[in-house]
Amino acid sequence: MTEKTVEALPPVNTEAAAKMWAGYLASRGISEDQAPRHVAESFGDHPALADELLNEILHGSKRATSSLASEYAHYDERIPEPEDHCIICDGAGEPRAILRVTSVQRGSFFDVDEQFAAAEGEGDLSLGYWRREHEKFWRRTQLSIGRQWSPDDTRKPGGELILERFEICWPGEFAD
């Protein structure tokens, strides 16, 4: 069986993201040199999924996300830490909100429990749904960079999951 090809995410509108970040800092009275570490990105791997996940953040119960530690290494990115911020973008790469990371844990695919699955705010909020959809997602994304992936990989050093919880901190109409 082969995975269907999905449309790639467009690049983030960095000018709009910088403007949103500057507005956030100004609203909090934070100078640029005192600003927390931040990234600008979309969740998911294609525009429709990015829009769906953003909707669950802004209008639903999504307050957690998970990723593979190996992806951070592959893309030479730093693993998020508590107090980091994320300018979350839609499927067109436009910034829509700012999230603050409240906790980060490492674990295996099999360590994820019902509470974390529900906090991811996707589907029927069940652990079964989370496992099924995330396994498909990581198999697809890893295949796109030439790697095979299995849930057992998350039991190996460097292959763990990065389990993040977050809150919406800006704009005000969406803030937790």
C-alpha atoms as a PDB file:
ATOM      1  CA  MET A   1       0.000   0.000   0.000  1.00  0.00           C
ATOM      2  CA  THR A   2       1.294   3.464  -0.800  1.00  0.00           C
ATOM      3  CA  GLU A   3       0.400   6.682   0.922  1.00  0.00           C
ATOM      4  CA  LYS A   4      -1.278   9.291  -1.240  1.00  0.00           C
ATOM      5  CA  THR A   5       0.752  12.378  -2.021  1.00  0.00           C
ATOM      6  CA  VAL A   6      -0.350  15.488  -0.163  1.00  0.00           C
ATOM      7  CA  GLU A   7       0.134  19.126  -1.085  1.00  0.00           C
ATOM      8  CA  ALA A   8       3.115  20.596   0.755  1.00  0.00           C
ATOM      9  CA  LEU A   9       2.698  23.444   3.194  1.00  0.00           C
ATOM     10  CA  PRO A  10       3.644  26.842   1.798  1.00  0.00           C
ATOM     11  CA  PRO A  11       6.345  28.840   3.564  1.00  0.00           C
ATOM     12  CA  VAL A  12       5.373  30.948   6.554  1.00  0.00           C
ATOM     13  CA  ASN A  13       4.665  34.597   5.777  1.00  0.00           C
ATOM     14  CA  THR A  14       7.635  35.777   7.838  1.00  0.00           C
ATOM     15  CA  GLU A  15       6.799  39.469   7.441  1.00  0.00           C
ATOM     16  CA  ALA A  16       3.299  38.966   8.842  1.00  0.00           C
ATOM     17  CA  ALA A  17       4.655  36.673  11.587  1.00  0.00           C
ATOM     18  CA  ALA A  18       7.212  39.311  12.617  1.00  0.00           C
ATOM     19  CA  LYS A  19       4.449  41.933  12.718  1.00  0.00           C
ATOM     20  CA  MET A  20       2.250  39.676  14.871  1.00  0.00           C
ATOM     21  CA  TRP A  21       5.171  38.936  17.213  1.00  0.00           C
ATOM     22  CA  ALA A  22       5.991  42.657  17.543  1.00  0.00           C
ATOM     23  CA  GLY A  23       2.340  43.384  18.354  1.00  0.00           C
ATOM     24  CA  TYR A  24       2.306  40.653  20.988  1.00  0.00           C
ATOM     25  CA  LEU A  25       5.505  41.914  22.618  1.00  0.00           C
ATOM     26  CA  ALA A  26       4.232  45.509  22.607  1.00  0.00           C
ATOM     27  CA  SER A  27       0.917  44.438  24.173  1.00  0.00           C
ATOM     28  CA  ARG A  28       2.865  42.793  27.014  1.00  0.00           C
ATOM     29  CA  GLY A  29       5.468  45.532  27.411  1.00  0.00           C
ATOM     30  CA  ILE A  30       8.260  43.094  26.517  1.00  0.00           C
ATOM     31  CA  SER A  31      11.327  44.409  24.727  1.00  0.00           C
ATOM     32  CA  GLU A  32      12.779  42.403  21.848  1.00  0.00           C
ATOM     33  CA  ASP A  33      15.917  41.638  23.880  1.00  0.00           C
ATOM     34  CA  GLN A  34      13.746  40.193  26.681  1.00  0.00           C
ATOM     35  CA  ALA A  35      11.485  38.223  24.340  1.00  0.00           C
ATOM     36  CA  PRO A  36      11.046  34.488  24.838  1.00  0.00           C
ATOM     37  CA  ARG A  37      12.306  32.109  22.177  1.00  0.00           C
ATOM     38  CA  HIS A  38       9.755  31.628  19.412  1.00  0.00           C
ATOM     39  CA  VAL A  39       9.170  29.903  16.096  1.00  0.00           C
ATOM     40  CA  ALA A  40       6.577  30.449  13.378  1.00  0.00           C
ATOM     41  CA  GLU A  41       5.065  27.315  11.882  1.00  0.00           C
ATOM     42  CA  SER A  42       1.949  25.416  10.900  1.00  0.00           C
ATOM     43  CA  PHE A  43       0.942  22.160  12.550  1.00  0.00           C
ATOM     44  CA  GLY A  44       0.488  19.200  10.213  1.00  0.00           C
ATOM     45  CA  ASP A  45       2.094  18.458   6.862  1.00  0.00           C
ATOM     46  CA  HIS A  46      -0.366  19.860   4.327  1.00  0.00           C
ATOM     47  CA  PRO A  47      -2.625  22.937   4.092  1.00  0.00           C
ATOM     48  CA  ALA A  48      -5.942  21.217   4.855  1.00  0.00           C
ATOM     49  CA  LEU A  49      -4.526  19.541   7.974  1.00  0.00           C
ATOM     50  CA  ALA A  50      -2.899  22.797   9.120  1.00  0.00           C
ATOM     51  CA  ASP A  51      -6.268  24.559   8.828  1.00  0.00           C
ATOM     52  CA  GLU A  52      -8.065  21.729  10.620  1.00  0.00           C
ATOM     53  CA  LEU A  53      -5.587  21.729  13.517  1.00  0.00           C
ATOM     54  CA  LEU A  54      -5.637  25.527  13.763  1.00  0.00           C
ATOM     55  CA  ASN A  55      -9.432  25.417  13.974  1.00  0.00           C
ATOM     56  CA  GLU A  56      -9.191  22.896  16.828  1.00  0.00           C
ATOM     57  CA  ILE A  57      -6.787  25.248  18.616  1.00  0.00           C
ATOM     58  CA  LEU A  58      -8.832  28.425  18.158  1.00  0.00           C
ATOM     59  CA  HIS A  59     -12.348  27.001  18.454  1.00  0.00           C
ATOM     60  CA  GLY A  60     -11.893  23.581  20.029  1.00  0.00           C
ATOM     61  CA  SER A  61     -10.019  21.860  22.788  1.00  0.00           C
ATOM     62  CA  LYS A  62      -6.596  21.286  21.200  1.00  0.00           C
ATOM     63  CA  ARG A  63      -4.032  22.205  23.854  1.00  0.00           C
ATOM     64  CA  ALA A  64      -1.326  19.637  23.102  1.00  0.00           C
ATOM     65  CA  THR A  65       0.778  18.437  20.205  1.00  0.00           C
ATOM     66  CA  SER A  66       3.326  15.718  19.610  1.00  0.00           C
ATOM     67  CA  SER A  67       6.291  15.366  17.308  1.00  0.00           C
ATOM     68  CA  LEU A  68       9.261  13.101  16.734  1.00  0.00           C
ATOM     69  CA  ALA A  69      12.592  13.987  18.350  1.00  0.00           C
ATOM     70  CA  SER A  70      14.252  12.601  15.228  1.00  0.00           C
ATOM     71  CA  GLU A  71      12.552  15.274  13.108  1.00  0.00           C
ATOM     72  CA  TYR A  72      14.110  18.040  15.184  1.00  0.00           C
ATOM     73  CA  ALA A  73      17.509  16.414  14.620  1.00  0.00           C
ATOM     74  CA  HIS A  74      16.852  15.940  10.892  1.00  0.00           C
ATOM     75  CA  TYR A  75      15.942  19.603  10.403  1.00  0.00           C
ATOM     76  CA  ASP A  76      18.592  20.829  12.883  1.00  0.00           C
ATOM     77  CA  GLU A  77      15.966  22.462  15.089  1.00  0.00           C
ATOM     78  CA  ARG A  78      15.917  22.850  18.842  1.00  0.00           C
ATOM     79  CA  ILE A  79      13.354  20.849  20.805  1.00  0.00           C
ATOM     80  CA  PRO A  80      10.773  23.149  22.415  1.00  0.00           C
ATOM     81  CA  GLU A  81      11.000  23.986  26.103  1.00  0.00           C
ATOM     82  CA  PRO A  82       8.469  25.423  28.552  1.00  0.00           C
ATOM     83  CA  GLU A  83       7.917  29.162  28.025  1.00  0.00           C
ATOM     84  CA  ASP A  84       8.863  28.968  24.332  1.00  0.00           C
ATOM     85  CA  HIS A  85       6.282  30.514  22.036  1.00  0.00           C
ATOM     86  CA  CYS A  86       4.913  29.442  18.674  1.00  0.00           C
ATOM     87  CA  ILE A  87       3.332  31.726  16.105  1.00  0.00           C
ATOM     88  CA  ILE A  88       0.843  29.231  14.709  1.00  0.00           C
ATOM     89  CA  CYS A  89      -0.003  29.652  11.044  1.00  0.00           C
ATOM     90  CA  ASP A  90      -2.838  28.465   8.860  1.00  0.00           C
ATOM     91  CA  GLY A  91      -2.551  26.288   5.775  1.00  0.00           C
ATOM     92  CA  ALA A  92      -1.599  29.319   3.669  1.00  0.00           C
ATOM     93  CA  GLY A  93       1.327  30.173   5.967  1.00  0.00           C
ATOM     94  CA  GLU A  94      -0.434  33.178   7.508  1.00  0.00           C
ATOM     95  CA  PRO A  95       0.018  33.725  11.269  1.00  0.00           C
ATOM     96  CA  ARG A  96      -3.186  33.414  13.280  1.00  0.00           C
ATOM     97  CA  ALA A  97      -2.281  33.100  16.967  1.00  0.00           C
ATOM     98  CA  ILE A  98       0.564  32.821  19.442  1.00  0.00           C
ATOM     99  CA  LEU A  99       0.906  29.796  21.698  1.00  0.00           C
ATOM    100  CA  ARG A 100       3.005  29.458  24.857  1.00  0.00           C
ATOM    101  CA  VAL A 101       4.490  26.047  25.646  1.00  0.00           C
ATOM    102  CA  THR A 102       3.527  25.077  29.202  1.00  0.00           C
ATOM    103  CA  SER A 103       5.172  21.648  29.427  1.00  0.00           C
ATOM    104  CA  VAL A 104       7.348  19.305  27.397  1.00  0.00           C
ATOM    105  CA  GLN A 105       7.912  15.615  28.037  1.00  0.00           C
ATOM    106  CA  ARG A 106       9.648  12.842  26.156  1.00  0.00           C
ATOM    107  CA  GLY A 107       8.007   9.466  25.820  1.00  0.00           C
ATOM    108  CA  SER A 108       7.246   6.619  23.503  1.00  0.00           C
ATOM    109  CA  PHE A 109       4.229   6.197  21.272  1.00  0.00           C
ATOM    110  CA  PHE A 110       2.993   3.706  23.863  1.00  0.00           C
ATOM    111  CA  ASP A 111       3.366   6.165  26.775  1.00  0.00           C
ATOM    112  CA  VAL A 112       0.685   8.494  25.420  1.00  0.00           C
ATOM    113  CA  ASP A 113      -2.425   8.143  27.580  1.00  0.00           C
ATOM    114  CA  GLU A 114      -6.116   9.015  27.177  1.00  0.00           C
ATOM    115  CA  GLN A 115      -5.641  12.426  28.820  1.00  0.00           C
ATOM    116  CA  PHE A 116      -2.897  13.500  26.430  1.00  0.00           C
ATOM    117  CA  ALA A 117      -4.793  12.122  23.425  1.00  0.00           C
ATOM    118  CA  ALA A 118      -7.851  14.140  24.476  1.00  0.00           C
ATOM    119  CA  ALA A 119      -5.718  17.274  24.972  1.00  0.00           C
ATOM    120  CA  GLU A 120      -4.561  16.940  21.351  1.00  0.00           C
ATOM    121  CA  GLY A 121      -8.200  17.777  20.563  1.00  0.00           C
ATOM    122  CA  GLU A 122      -8.495  15.701  17.405  1.00  0.00           C
ATOM    123  CA  GLY A 123     -11.169  13.344  16.094  1.00  0.00           C
ATOM    124  CA  ASP A 124     -13.208  11.673  18.831  1.00  0.00           C
ATOM    125  CA  LEU A 125     -10.509  12.564  21.422  1.00  0.00           C
ATOM    126  CA  SER A 126      -9.817   8.879  22.111  1.00  0.00           C
ATOM    127  CA  LEU A 127      -6.450   7.200  22.504  1.00  0.00           C
ATOM    128  CA  GLY A 128      -7.376   4.781  19.711  1.00  0.00           C
ATOM    129  CA  TYR A 129      -8.000   7.658  17.298  1.00  0.00           C
ATOM    130  CA  TRP A 130      -4.781   9.381  18.375  1.00  0.00           C
ATOM    131  CA  ARG A 131      -2.697   6.240  17.801  1.00  0.00           C
ATOM    132  CA  ARG A 132      -4.267   5.432  14.436  1.00  0.00           C
ATOM    133  CA  GLU A 133      -3.990   8.942  13.001  1.00  0.00           C
ATOM    134  CA  HIS A 134      -0.532   9.721  14.393  1.00  0.00           C
ATOM    135  CA  GLU A 135       0.881   6.444  13.151  1.00  0.00           C
ATOM    136  CA  LYS A 136      -0.400   7.272   9.647  1.00  0.00           C
ATOM    137  CA  PHE A 137       0.931  10.823   9.933  1.00  0.00           C
ATOM    138  CA  TRP A 138       4.440   9.845  11.051  1.00  0.00           C
ATOM    139  CA  ARG A 139       4.698   7.039   8.523  1.00  0.00           C
ATOM    140  CA  ARG A 140       3.798   9.573   5.796  1.00  0.00           C
ATOM    141  CA  THR A 141       6.087  12.362   7.005  1.00  0.00           C
ATOM    142  CA  GLN A 142       9.045  10.062   7.586  1.00  0.00           C
ATOM    143  CA  LEU A 143       8.587   8.466   4.173  1.00  0.00           C
ATOM    144  CA  SER A 144       8.739  11.957   2.656  1.00  0.00           C
ATOM    145  CA  ILE A 145      12.319  12.287   3.980  1.00  0.00           C
ATOM    146  CA  GLY A 146      13.290   8.778   2.937  1.00  0.00           C
ATOM    147  CA  ARG A 147      12.790   6.986   6.239  1.00  0.00           C
ATOM    148  CA  GLN A 148      10.632   4.080   7.279  1.00  0.00           C
ATOM    149  CA  TRP A 149       8.918   4.573  10.637  1.00  0.00           C
ATOM    150  CA  SER A 150       7.247   2.370  13.217  1.00  0.00           C
ATOM    151  CA  PRO A 151       5.822   3.146  16.674  1.00  0.00           C
ATOM    152  CA  ASP A 152       8.575   0.920  18.105  1.00  0.00           C
ATOM    153  CA  ASP A 153      11.115   3.513  16.891  1.00  0.00           C
ATOM    154  CA  THR A 154       9.937   5.799  19.702  1.00  0.00           C
ATOM    155  CA  ARG A 155      11.386   3.378  22.257  1.00  0.00           C
ATOM    156  CA  LYS A 156      14.907   4.034  20.940  1.00  0.00           C
ATOM    157  CA  PRO A 157      17.150   6.910  22.080  1.00  0.00           C
ATOM    158  CA  GLY A 158      16.645   9.846  19.728  1.00  0.00           C
ATOM    159  CA  GLY A 159      13.388   8.424  18.407  1.00  0.00           C
ATOM    160  CA  GLU A 160      11.174   9.486  21.305  1.00  0.00           C
ATOM    161  CA  LEU A 161       8.081  11.594  21.004  1.00  0.00           C
ATOM    162  CA  ILE A 162       8.139  15.198  22.141  1.00  0.00           C
ATOM    163  CA  LEU A 163       4.841  15.737  23.962  1.00  0.00           C
ATOM    164  CA  GLU A 164       3.975  19.415  24.350  1.00  0.00           C
ATOM    165  CA  ARG A 165       1.149  21.147  26.138  1.00  0.00           C
ATOM    166  CA  PHE A 166       0.395  24.778  25.372  1.00  0.00           C
ATOM    167  CA  GLU A 167      -1.991  27.647  25.897  1.00  0.00           C
ATOM    168  CA  ILE A 168      -3.146  30.373  23.547  1.00  0.00           C
ATOM    169  CA  CYS A 169      -1.747  33.690  24.712  1.00  0.00           C
ATOM    170  CA  TRP A 170      -2.567  36.024  21.809  1.00  0.00           C
ATOM    171  CA  PRO A 171      -4.701  37.537  20.284  1.00  0.00           C
ATOM    172  CA  GLY A 172      -6.899  38.263  23.240  1.00  0.00           C
ATOM    173  CA  GLU A 173     -10.148  36.933  21.784  1.00  0.00           C
ATOM    174  CA  PHE A 174      -8.622  33.444  21.707  1.00  0.00           C
ATOM    175  CA  ALA A 175      -6.406  33.617  24.807  1.00  0.00           C
ATOM    176  CA  ASP A 176      -6.853  30.988  27.506  1.00  0.00           C
END
